[in-house]
Amino acid sequence: MRRISATDVKRDFSATLNRVAFGGERIVLQRHDKDIAALVSLEDLRLLQEFEDRIDAEAAREALLESDEQVSYSRVREELGLDRS
């Protein structure tokens, strides 16, 4: 994984984006020699999101096994603020 200062990326942003988007590079941005962010391709981001979703689903399954409480789907949506009325 390549590390580049935020200042250097700013100077040549288009080329950096092309390396990530088309070359599949993962680039860590640094400021004052400290890692602060990363540029990854959309494919990598989708994989990361899928991985997080699987972890969340597994945690939900484990929570369900630990509890006898039953909660309706509509109540869960309401408590999570997912109802769009």
PDB file of N, CA and C in Angstrom:
ATOM      1  N   MET A   1       0.857  -1.165   0.000  1.00  0.00           N
ATOM      2  CA  MET A   1       0.000   0.000   0.000  1.00  0.00           C
ATOM      3  C   MET A   1       0.904   1.229   0.000  1.00  0.00           C
ATOM      4  N   ARG A   2       0.597   2.111  -0.895  1.00  0.00           N
ATOM      5  CA  ARG A   2       1.400   3.316  -1.048  1.00  0.00           C
ATOM      6  C   ARG A   2       0.916   4.407  -0.095  1.00  0.00           C
ATOM      7  N   ARG A   3       1.855   5.151   0.458  1.00  0.00           N
ATOM      8  CA  ARG A   3       1.530   6.281   1.327  1.00  0.00           C
ATOM      9  C   ARG A   3       1.978   7.569   0.641  1.00  0.00           C
ATOM     10  N   ILE A   4       1.081   8.543   0.641  1.00  0.00           N
ATOM     11  CA  ILE A   4       1.366   9.817  -0.015  1.00  0.00           C
ATOM     12  C   ILE A   4       0.878  10.942   0.895  1.00  0.00           C
ATOM     13  N   SER A   5       1.637  12.020   0.942  1.00  0.00           N
ATOM     14  CA  SER A   5       1.199  13.164   1.739  1.00  0.00           C
ATOM     15  C   SER A   5      -0.021  13.797   1.083  1.00  0.00           C
ATOM     16  N   ALA A   6      -0.881  14.345   1.894  1.00  0.00           N
ATOM     17  CA  ALA A   6      -2.087  15.004   1.385  1.00  0.00           C
ATOM     18  C   ALA A   6      -1.710  16.134   0.433  1.00  0.00           C
ATOM     19  N   THR A   7      -0.618  16.806   0.706  1.00  0.00           N
ATOM     20  CA  THR A   7      -0.160  17.896  -0.157  1.00  0.00           C
ATOM     21  C   THR A   7       0.207  17.381  -1.541  1.00  0.00           C
ATOM     22  N   ASP A   8       0.910  16.242  -1.603  1.00  0.00           N
ATOM     23  CA  ASP A   8       1.294  15.674  -2.898  1.00  0.00           C
ATOM     24  C   ASP A   8       0.072  15.200  -3.679  1.00  0.00           C
ATOM     25  N   VAL A   9      -0.875  14.630  -2.992  1.00  0.00           N
ATOM     26  CA  VAL A   9      -2.104  14.176  -3.661  1.00  0.00           C
ATOM     27  C   VAL A   9      -2.842  15.372  -4.242  1.00  0.00           C
ATOM     28  N   LYS A  10      -2.888  16.431  -3.495  1.00  0.00           N
ATOM     29  CA  LYS A  10      -3.581  17.641  -3.937  1.00  0.00           C
ATOM     30  C   LYS A  10      -2.971  18.174  -5.244  1.00  0.00           C
ATOM     31  N   ARG A  11      -1.661  18.094  -5.349  1.00  0.00           N
ATOM     32  CA  ARG A  11      -0.968  18.587  -6.547  1.00  0.00           C
ATOM     33  C   ARG A  11      -1.310  17.770  -7.788  1.00  0.00           C
ATOM     34  N   ASP A  12      -1.481  16.471  -7.600  1.00  0.00           N
ATOM     35  CA  ASP A  12      -1.689  15.585  -8.748  1.00  0.00           C
ATOM     36  C   ASP A  12      -2.907  14.690  -8.501  1.00  0.00           C
ATOM     37  N   PHE A  13      -4.023  15.329  -8.137  1.00  0.00           N
ATOM     38  CA  PHE A  13      -5.211  14.602  -7.727  1.00  0.00           C
ATOM     39  C   PHE A  13      -5.755  13.692  -8.831  1.00  0.00           C
ATOM     40  N   SER A  14      -5.819  14.180 -10.038  1.00  0.00           N
ATOM     41  CA  SER A  14      -6.375  13.408 -11.144  1.00  0.00           C
ATOM     42  C   SER A  14      -5.590  12.115 -11.372  1.00  0.00           C
ATOM     43  N   ALA A  15      -4.285  12.194 -11.387  1.00  0.00           N
ATOM     44  CA  ALA A  15      -3.453  11.001 -11.590  1.00  0.00           C
ATOM     45  C   ALA A  15      -3.612  10.030 -10.428  1.00  0.00           C
ATOM     46  N   THR A  16      -3.727  10.554  -9.217  1.00  0.00           N
ATOM     47  CA  THR A  16      -3.909   9.701  -8.038  1.00  0.00           C
ATOM     48  C   THR A  16      -5.239   8.960  -8.123  1.00  0.00           C
ATOM     49  N   LEU A  17      -6.283   9.667  -8.491  1.00  0.00           N
ATOM     50  CA  LEU A  17      -7.594   9.035  -8.644  1.00  0.00           C
ATOM     51  C   LEU A  17      -7.564   7.948  -9.717  1.00  0.00           C
ATOM     52  N   ASN A  18      -6.887   8.210 -10.804  1.00  0.00           N
ATOM     53  CA  ASN A  18      -6.789   7.201 -11.865  1.00  0.00           C
ATOM     54  C   ASN A  18      -6.065   5.954 -11.386  1.00  0.00           C
ATOM     55  N   ARG A  19      -5.016   6.121 -10.579  1.00  0.00           N
ATOM     56  CA  ARG A  19      -4.299   4.952 -10.054  1.00  0.00           C
ATOM     57  C   ARG A  19      -5.208   4.121  -9.164  1.00  0.00           C
ATOM     58  N   VAL A  20      -6.056   4.785  -8.406  1.00  0.00           N
ATOM     59  CA  VAL A  20      -6.981   4.069  -7.525  1.00  0.00           C
ATOM     60  C   VAL A  20      -8.117   3.449  -8.326  1.00  0.00           C
ATOM     61  N   ALA A  21      -8.768   4.258  -9.154  1.00  0.00           N
ATOM     62  CA  ALA A  21      -9.957   3.810  -9.874  1.00  0.00           C
ATOM     63  C   ALA A  21      -9.655   2.755 -10.936  1.00  0.00           C
ATOM     64  N   PHE A  22      -8.590   2.953 -11.682  1.00  0.00           N
ATOM     65  CA  PHE A  22      -8.318   2.068 -12.812  1.00  0.00           C
ATOM     66  C   PHE A  22      -7.182   1.094 -12.553  1.00  0.00           C
ATOM     67  N   GLY A  23      -6.290   1.448 -11.640  1.00  0.00           N
ATOM     68  CA  GLY A  23      -5.157   0.575 -11.342  1.00  0.00           C
ATOM     69  C   GLY A  23      -5.362  -0.279 -10.107  1.00  0.00           C
ATOM     70  N   GLY A  24      -6.450  -0.001  -9.369  1.00  0.00           N
ATOM     71  CA  GLY A  24      -6.744  -0.795  -8.185  1.00  0.00           C
ATOM     72  C   GLY A  24      -5.818  -0.536  -7.005  1.00  0.00           C
ATOM     73  N   GLU A  25      -5.045   0.550  -7.075  1.00  0.00           N
ATOM     74  CA  GLU A  25      -4.142   0.855  -5.957  1.00  0.00           C
ATOM     75  C   GLU A  25      -4.935   1.303  -4.737  1.00  0.00           C
ATOM     76  N   ARG A  26      -4.376   1.038  -3.584  1.00  0.00           N
ATOM     77  CA  ARG A  26      -4.908   1.569  -2.326  1.00  0.00           C
ATOM     78  C   ARG A  26      -3.871   2.561  -1.832  1.00  0.00           C
ATOM     79  N   ILE A  27      -4.312   3.759  -1.570  1.00  0.00           N
ATOM     80  CA  ILE A  27      -3.376   4.815  -1.203  1.00  0.00           C
ATOM     81  C   ILE A  27      -3.769   5.378   0.157  1.00  0.00           C
ATOM     82  N   VAL A  28      -2.791   5.423   1.050  1.00  0.00           N
ATOM     83  CA  VAL A  28      -3.002   6.001   2.369  1.00  0.00           C
ATOM     84  C   VAL A  28      -2.513   7.448   2.328  1.00  0.00           C
ATOM     85  N   LEU A  29      -3.387   8.356   2.726  1.00  0.00           N
ATOM     86  CA  LEU A  29      -3.032   9.774   2.771  1.00  0.00           C
ATOM     87  C   LEU A  29      -2.431  10.094   4.134  1.00  0.00           C
ATOM     88  N   GLN A  30      -1.372  10.885   4.102  1.00  0.00           N
ATOM     89  CA  GLN A  30      -0.698  11.248   5.342  1.00  0.00           C
ATOM     90  C   GLN A  30      -0.651  12.760   5.503  1.00  0.00           C
ATOM     91  N   ARG A  31      -0.667  13.168   6.743  1.00  0.00           N
ATOM     92  CA  ARG A  31      -0.451  14.572   7.098  1.00  0.00           C
ATOM     93  C   ARG A  31       0.507  14.563   8.282  1.00  0.00           C
ATOM     94  N   HIS A  32       1.593  15.274   8.141  1.00  0.00           N
ATOM     95  CA  HIS A  32       2.629  15.309   9.178  1.00  0.00           C
ATOM     96  C   HIS A  32       3.090  13.895   9.536  1.00  0.00           C
ATOM     97  N   ASP A  33       3.297  13.083   8.503  1.00  0.00           N
ATOM     98  CA  ASP A  33       3.769  11.696   8.631  1.00  0.00           C
ATOM     99  C   ASP A  33       2.830  10.784   9.422  1.00  0.00           C
ATOM    100  N   LYS A  34       1.573  11.160   9.524  1.00  0.00           N
ATOM    101  CA  LYS A  34       0.582  10.310  10.185  1.00  0.00           C
ATOM    102  C   LYS A  34      -0.500   9.937   9.180  1.00  0.00           C
ATOM    103  N   ASP A  35      -0.896   8.665   9.187  1.00  0.00           N
ATOM    104  CA  ASP A  35      -1.973   8.206   8.315  1.00  0.00           C
ATOM    105  C   ASP A  35      -3.280   8.852   8.760  1.00  0.00           C
ATOM    106  N   ILE A  36      -3.993   9.447   7.782  1.00  0.00           N
ATOM    107  CA  ILE A  36      -5.244  10.127   8.138  1.00  0.00           C
ATOM    108  C   ILE A  36      -6.457   9.620   7.373  1.00  0.00           C
ATOM    109  N   ALA A  37      -6.243   9.031   6.214  1.00  0.00           N
ATOM    110  CA  ALA A  37      -7.366   8.550   5.394  1.00  0.00           C
ATOM    111  C   ALA A  37      -6.818   7.609   4.333  1.00  0.00           C
ATOM    112  N   ALA A  38      -7.737   7.004   3.583  1.00  0.00           N
ATOM    113  CA  ALA A  38      -7.319   6.109   2.506  1.00  0.00           C
ATOM    114  C   ALA A  38      -8.201   6.313   1.293  1.00  0.00           C
ATOM    115  N   LEU A  39      -7.600   6.160   0.132  1.00  0.00           N
ATOM    116  CA  LEU A  39      -8.338   6.153  -1.120  1.00  0.00           C
ATOM    117  C   LEU A  39      -8.355   4.717  -1.613  1.00  0.00           C
ATOM    118  N   VAL A  40      -9.570   4.217  -1.859  1.00  0.00           N
ATOM    119  CA  VAL A  40      -9.711   2.848  -2.354  1.00  0.00           C
ATOM    120  C   VAL A  40     -10.695   2.865  -3.510  1.00  0.00           C
ATOM    121  N   SER A  41     -10.636   1.851  -4.341  1.00  0.00           N
ATOM    122  CA  SER A  41     -11.555   1.757  -5.469  1.00  0.00           C
ATOM    123  C   SER A  41     -12.975   1.485  -4.976  1.00  0.00           C
ATOM    124  N   LEU A  42     -13.941   1.721  -5.843  1.00  0.00           N
ATOM    125  CA  LEU A  42     -15.329   1.410  -5.495  1.00  0.00           C
ATOM    126  C   LEU A  42     -15.505  -0.082  -5.248  1.00  0.00           C
ATOM    127  N   GLU A  43     -14.774  -0.899  -5.984  1.00  0.00           N
ATOM    128  CA  GLU A  43     -14.846  -2.345  -5.770  1.00  0.00           C
ATOM    129  C   GLU A  43     -14.402  -2.698  -4.343  1.00  0.00           C
ATOM    130  N   ASP A  44     -13.298  -2.098  -3.897  1.00  0.00           N
ATOM    131  CA  ASP A  44     -12.842  -2.343  -2.528  1.00  0.00           C
ATOM    132  C   ASP A  44     -13.857  -1.846  -1.507  1.00  0.00           C
ATOM    133  N   LEU A  45     -14.455  -0.696  -1.760  1.00  0.00           N
ATOM    134  CA  LEU A  45     -15.458  -0.151  -0.847  1.00  0.00           C
ATOM    135  C   LEU A  45     -16.663  -1.077  -0.761  1.00  0.00           C
ATOM    136  N   ARG A  46     -17.116  -1.593  -1.892  1.00  0.00           N
ATOM    137  CA  ARG A  46     -18.250  -2.535  -1.886  1.00  0.00           C
ATOM    138  C   ARG A  46     -17.913  -3.789  -1.088  1.00  0.00           C
ATOM    139  N   LEU A  47     -16.698  -4.292  -1.264  1.00  0.00           N
ATOM    140  CA  LEU A  47     -16.283  -5.476  -0.504  1.00  0.00           C
ATOM    141  C   LEU A  47     -16.254  -5.181   0.991  1.00  0.00           C
ATOM    142  N   LEU A  48     -15.753  -4.022   1.356  1.00  0.00           N
ATOM    143  CA  LEU A  48     -15.716  -3.622   2.759  1.00  0.00           C
ATOM    144  C   LEU A  48     -17.127  -3.517   3.329  1.00  0.00           C
ATOM    145  N   GLN A  49     -18.036  -2.923   2.575  1.00  0.00           N
ATOM    146  CA  GLN A  49     -19.419  -2.801   3.040  1.00  0.00           C
ATOM    147  C   GLN A  49     -20.074  -4.177   3.178  1.00  0.00           C
ATOM    148  N   GLU A  50     -19.805  -5.067   2.231  1.00  0.00           N
ATOM    149  CA  GLU A  50     -20.353  -6.421   2.315  1.00  0.00           C
ATOM    150  C   GLU A  50     -19.826  -7.143   3.554  1.00  0.00           C
ATOM    151  N   PHE A  51     -18.549  -6.974   3.819  1.00  0.00           N
ATOM    152  CA  PHE A  51     -17.935  -7.577   4.998  1.00  0.00           C
ATOM    153  C   PHE A  51     -18.575  -7.033   6.280  1.00  0.00           C
ATOM    154  N   GLU A  52     -18.768  -5.719   6.347  1.00  0.00           N
ATOM    155  CA  GLU A  52     -19.414  -5.114   7.513  1.00  0.00           C
ATOM    156  C   GLU A  52     -20.843  -5.620   7.676  1.00  0.00           C
ATOM    157  N   ASP A  53     -21.567  -5.766   6.565  1.00  0.00           N
ATOM    158  CA  ASP A  53     -22.933  -6.280   6.627  1.00  0.00           C
ATOM    159  C   ASP A  53     -22.963  -7.699   7.182  1.00  0.00           C
ATOM    160  N   ARG A  54     -22.006  -8.518   6.774  1.00  0.00           N
ATOM    161  CA  ARG A  54     -21.945  -9.896   7.284  1.00  0.00           C
ATOM    162  C   ARG A  54     -21.650  -9.912   8.782  1.00  0.00           C
ATOM    163  N   ILE A  55     -20.752  -9.049   9.230  1.00  0.00           N
ATOM    164  CA  ILE A  55     -20.448  -8.960  10.662  1.00  0.00           C
ATOM    165  C   ILE A  55     -21.692  -8.523  11.435  1.00  0.00           C
ATOM    166  N   ASP A  56     -22.411  -7.518  10.906  1.00  0.00           N
ATOM    167  CA  ASP A  56     -23.636  -7.040  11.560  1.00  0.00           C
ATOM    168  C   ASP A  56     -24.694  -8.135  11.618  1.00  0.00           C
ATOM    169  N   ALA A  57     -24.841  -8.882  10.527  1.00  0.00           N
ATOM    170  CA  ALA A  57     -25.831  -9.960  10.491  1.00  0.00           C
ATOM    171  C   ALA A  57     -25.485 -11.039  11.509  1.00  0.00           C
ATOM    172  N   GLU A  58     -24.216 -11.376  11.617  1.00  0.00           N
ATOM    173  CA  GLU A  58     -23.791 -12.389  12.592  1.00  0.00           C
ATOM    174  C   GLU A  58     -24.038 -11.899  14.021  1.00  0.00           C
ATOM    175  N   ALA A  59     -23.747 -10.641  14.278  1.00  0.00           N
ATOM    176  CA  ALA A  59     -23.995 -10.078  15.610  1.00  0.00           C
ATOM    177  C   ALA A  59     -25.494 -10.092  15.922  1.00  0.00           C
ATOM    178  N   ALA A  60     -26.312  -9.800  14.922  1.00  0.00           N
ATOM    179  CA  ALA A  60     -27.769  -9.836  15.128  1.00  0.00           C
ATOM    180  C   ALA A  60     -28.240 -11.250  15.420  1.00  0.00           C
ATOM    181  N   ARG A  61     -27.707 -12.233  14.694  1.00  0.00           N
ATOM    182  CA  ARG A  61     -28.081 -13.630  14.954  1.00  0.00           C
ATOM    183  C   ARG A  61     -27.699 -14.033  16.379  1.00  0.00           C
ATOM    184  N   GLU A  62     -26.508 -13.659  16.800  1.00  0.00           N
ATOM    185  CA  GLU A  62     -26.067 -13.986  18.160  1.00  0.00           C
ATOM    186  C   GLU A  62     -26.954 -13.306  19.200  1.00  0.00           C
ATOM    187  N   ALA A  63     -27.339 -12.067  18.957  1.00  0.00           N
ATOM    188  CA  ALA A  63     -28.206 -11.352  19.894  1.00  0.00           C
ATOM    189  C   ALA A  63     -29.571 -12.026  19.986  1.00  0.00           C
ATOM    190  N   LEU A  64     -30.078 -12.483  18.858  1.00  0.00           N
ATOM    191  CA  LEU A  64     -31.369 -13.177  18.870  1.00  0.00           C
ATOM    192  C   LEU A  64     -31.306 -14.471  19.666  1.00  0.00           C
ATOM    193  N   LEU A  65     -30.202 -15.169  19.564  1.00  0.00           N
ATOM    194  CA  LEU A  65     -30.048 -16.422  20.304  1.00  0.00           C
ATOM    195  C   LEU A  65     -29.956 -16.192  21.812  1.00  0.00           C
ATOM    196  N   GLU A  66     -29.470 -15.027  22.217  1.00  0.00           N
ATOM    197  CA  GLU A  66     -29.290 -14.715  23.630  1.00  0.00           C
ATOM    198  C   GLU A  66     -30.561 -14.183  24.281  1.00  0.00           C
ATOM    199  N   SER A  67     -31.561 -13.839  23.504  1.00  0.00           N
ATOM    200  CA  SER A  67     -32.747 -13.185  24.048  1.00  0.00           C
ATOM    201  C   SER A  67     -34.007 -13.971  23.705  1.00  0.00           C
ATOM    202  N   ASP A  68     -34.933 -13.981  24.662  1.00  0.00           N
ATOM    203  CA  ASP A  68     -36.241 -14.578  24.422  1.00  0.00           C
ATOM    204  C   ASP A  68     -37.264 -13.516  24.013  1.00  0.00           C
ATOM    205  N   GLU A  69     -36.865 -12.243  24.107  1.00  0.00           N
ATOM    206  CA  GLU A  69     -37.768 -11.142  23.789  1.00  0.00           C
ATOM    207  C   GLU A  69     -38.077 -11.125  22.290  1.00  0.00           C
ATOM    208  N   GLN A  70     -39.331 -10.908  21.980  1.00  0.00           N
ATOM    209  CA  GLN A  70     -39.737 -10.786  20.584  1.00  0.00           C
ATOM    210  C   GLN A  70     -40.142  -9.346  20.312  1.00  0.00           C
ATOM    211  N   VAL A  71     -39.619  -8.809  19.241  1.00  0.00           N
ATOM    212  CA  VAL A  71     -39.911  -7.437  18.858  1.00  0.00           C
ATOM    213  C   VAL A  71     -40.384  -7.450  17.414  1.00  0.00           C
ATOM    214  N   SER A  72     -41.450  -6.721  17.152  1.00  0.00           N
ATOM    215  CA  SER A  72     -41.987  -6.699  15.791  1.00  0.00           C
ATOM    216  C   SER A  72     -41.046  -5.929  14.866  1.00  0.00           C
ATOM    217  N   TYR A  73     -41.114  -6.295  13.593  1.00  0.00           N
ATOM    218  CA  TYR A  73     -40.298  -5.632  12.582  1.00  0.00           C
ATOM    219  C   TYR A  73     -40.613  -4.142  12.520  1.00  0.00           C
ATOM    220  N   SER A  74     -41.880  -3.799  12.612  1.00  0.00           N
ATOM    221  CA  SER A  74     -42.267  -2.388  12.540  1.00  0.00           C
ATOM    222  C   SER A  74     -41.713  -1.604  13.731  1.00  0.00           C
ATOM    223  N   ARG A  75     -41.659  -2.231  14.895  1.00  0.00           N
ATOM    224  CA  ARG A  75     -41.100  -1.554  16.074  1.00  0.00           C
ATOM    225  C   ARG A  75     -39.602  -1.319  15.898  1.00  0.00           C
ATOM    226  N   VAL A  76     -38.909  -2.290  15.359  1.00  0.00           N
ATOM    227  CA  VAL A  76     -37.473  -2.140  15.118  1.00  0.00           C
ATOM    228  C   VAL A  76     -37.233  -0.996  14.135  1.00  0.00           C
ATOM    229  N   ARG A  77     -37.996  -0.972  13.041  1.00  0.00           N
ATOM    230  CA  ARG A  77     -37.851   0.094  12.052  1.00  0.00           C
ATOM    231  C   ARG A  77     -38.117   1.463  12.690  1.00  0.00           C
ATOM    232  N   GLU A  78     -39.147   1.524  13.540  1.00  0.00           N
ATOM    233  CA  GLU A  78     -39.481   2.780  14.204  1.00  0.00           C
ATOM    234  C   GLU A  78     -38.368   3.224  15.136  1.00  0.00           C
ATOM    235  N   GLU A  79     -37.849   2.295  15.936  1.00  0.00           N
ATOM    236  CA  GLU A  79     -36.784   2.633  16.887  1.00  0.00           C
ATOM    237  C   GLU A  79     -35.488   3.040  16.202  1.00  0.00           C
ATOM    238  N   LEU A  80     -35.243   2.498  15.024  1.00  0.00           N
ATOM    239  CA  LEU A  80     -34.037   2.840  14.277  1.00  0.00           C
ATOM    240  C   LEU A  80     -34.243   4.059  13.382  1.00  0.00           C
ATOM    241  N   GLY A  81     -35.453   4.605  13.400  1.00  0.00           N
ATOM    242  CA  GLY A  81     -35.739   5.772  12.583  1.00  0.00           C
ATOM    243  C   GLY A  81     -35.810   5.471  11.101  1.00  0.00           C
ATOM    244  N   LEU A  82     -36.223   4.251  10.767  1.00  0.00           N
ATOM    245  CA  LEU A  82     -36.265   3.844   9.363  1.00  0.00           C
ATOM    246  C   LEU A  82     -37.638   3.998   8.738  1.00  0.00           C
ATOM    247  N   ASP A  83     -38.628   4.339   9.545  1.00  0.00           N
ATOM    248  CA  ASP A  83     -39.967   4.539   8.997  1.00  0.00           C
ATOM    249  C   ASP A  83     -40.000   5.880   8.283  1.00  0.00           C
ATOM    250  N   ARG A  84     -40.452   5.850   7.067  1.00  0.00           N
ATOM    251  CA  ARG A  84     -40.535   7.076   6.264  1.00  0.00           C
ATOM    252  C   ARG A  84     -41.996   7.407   6.029  1.00  0.00           C
ATOM    253  N   SER A  85     -42.594   8.001   7.026  1.00  0.00           N
ATOM    254  CA  SER A  85     -44.028   8.328   6.943  1.00  0.00           C
ATOM    255  C   SER A  85     -44.230   9.659   6.288  1.00  0.00           C
TER     256      SER A  85
END
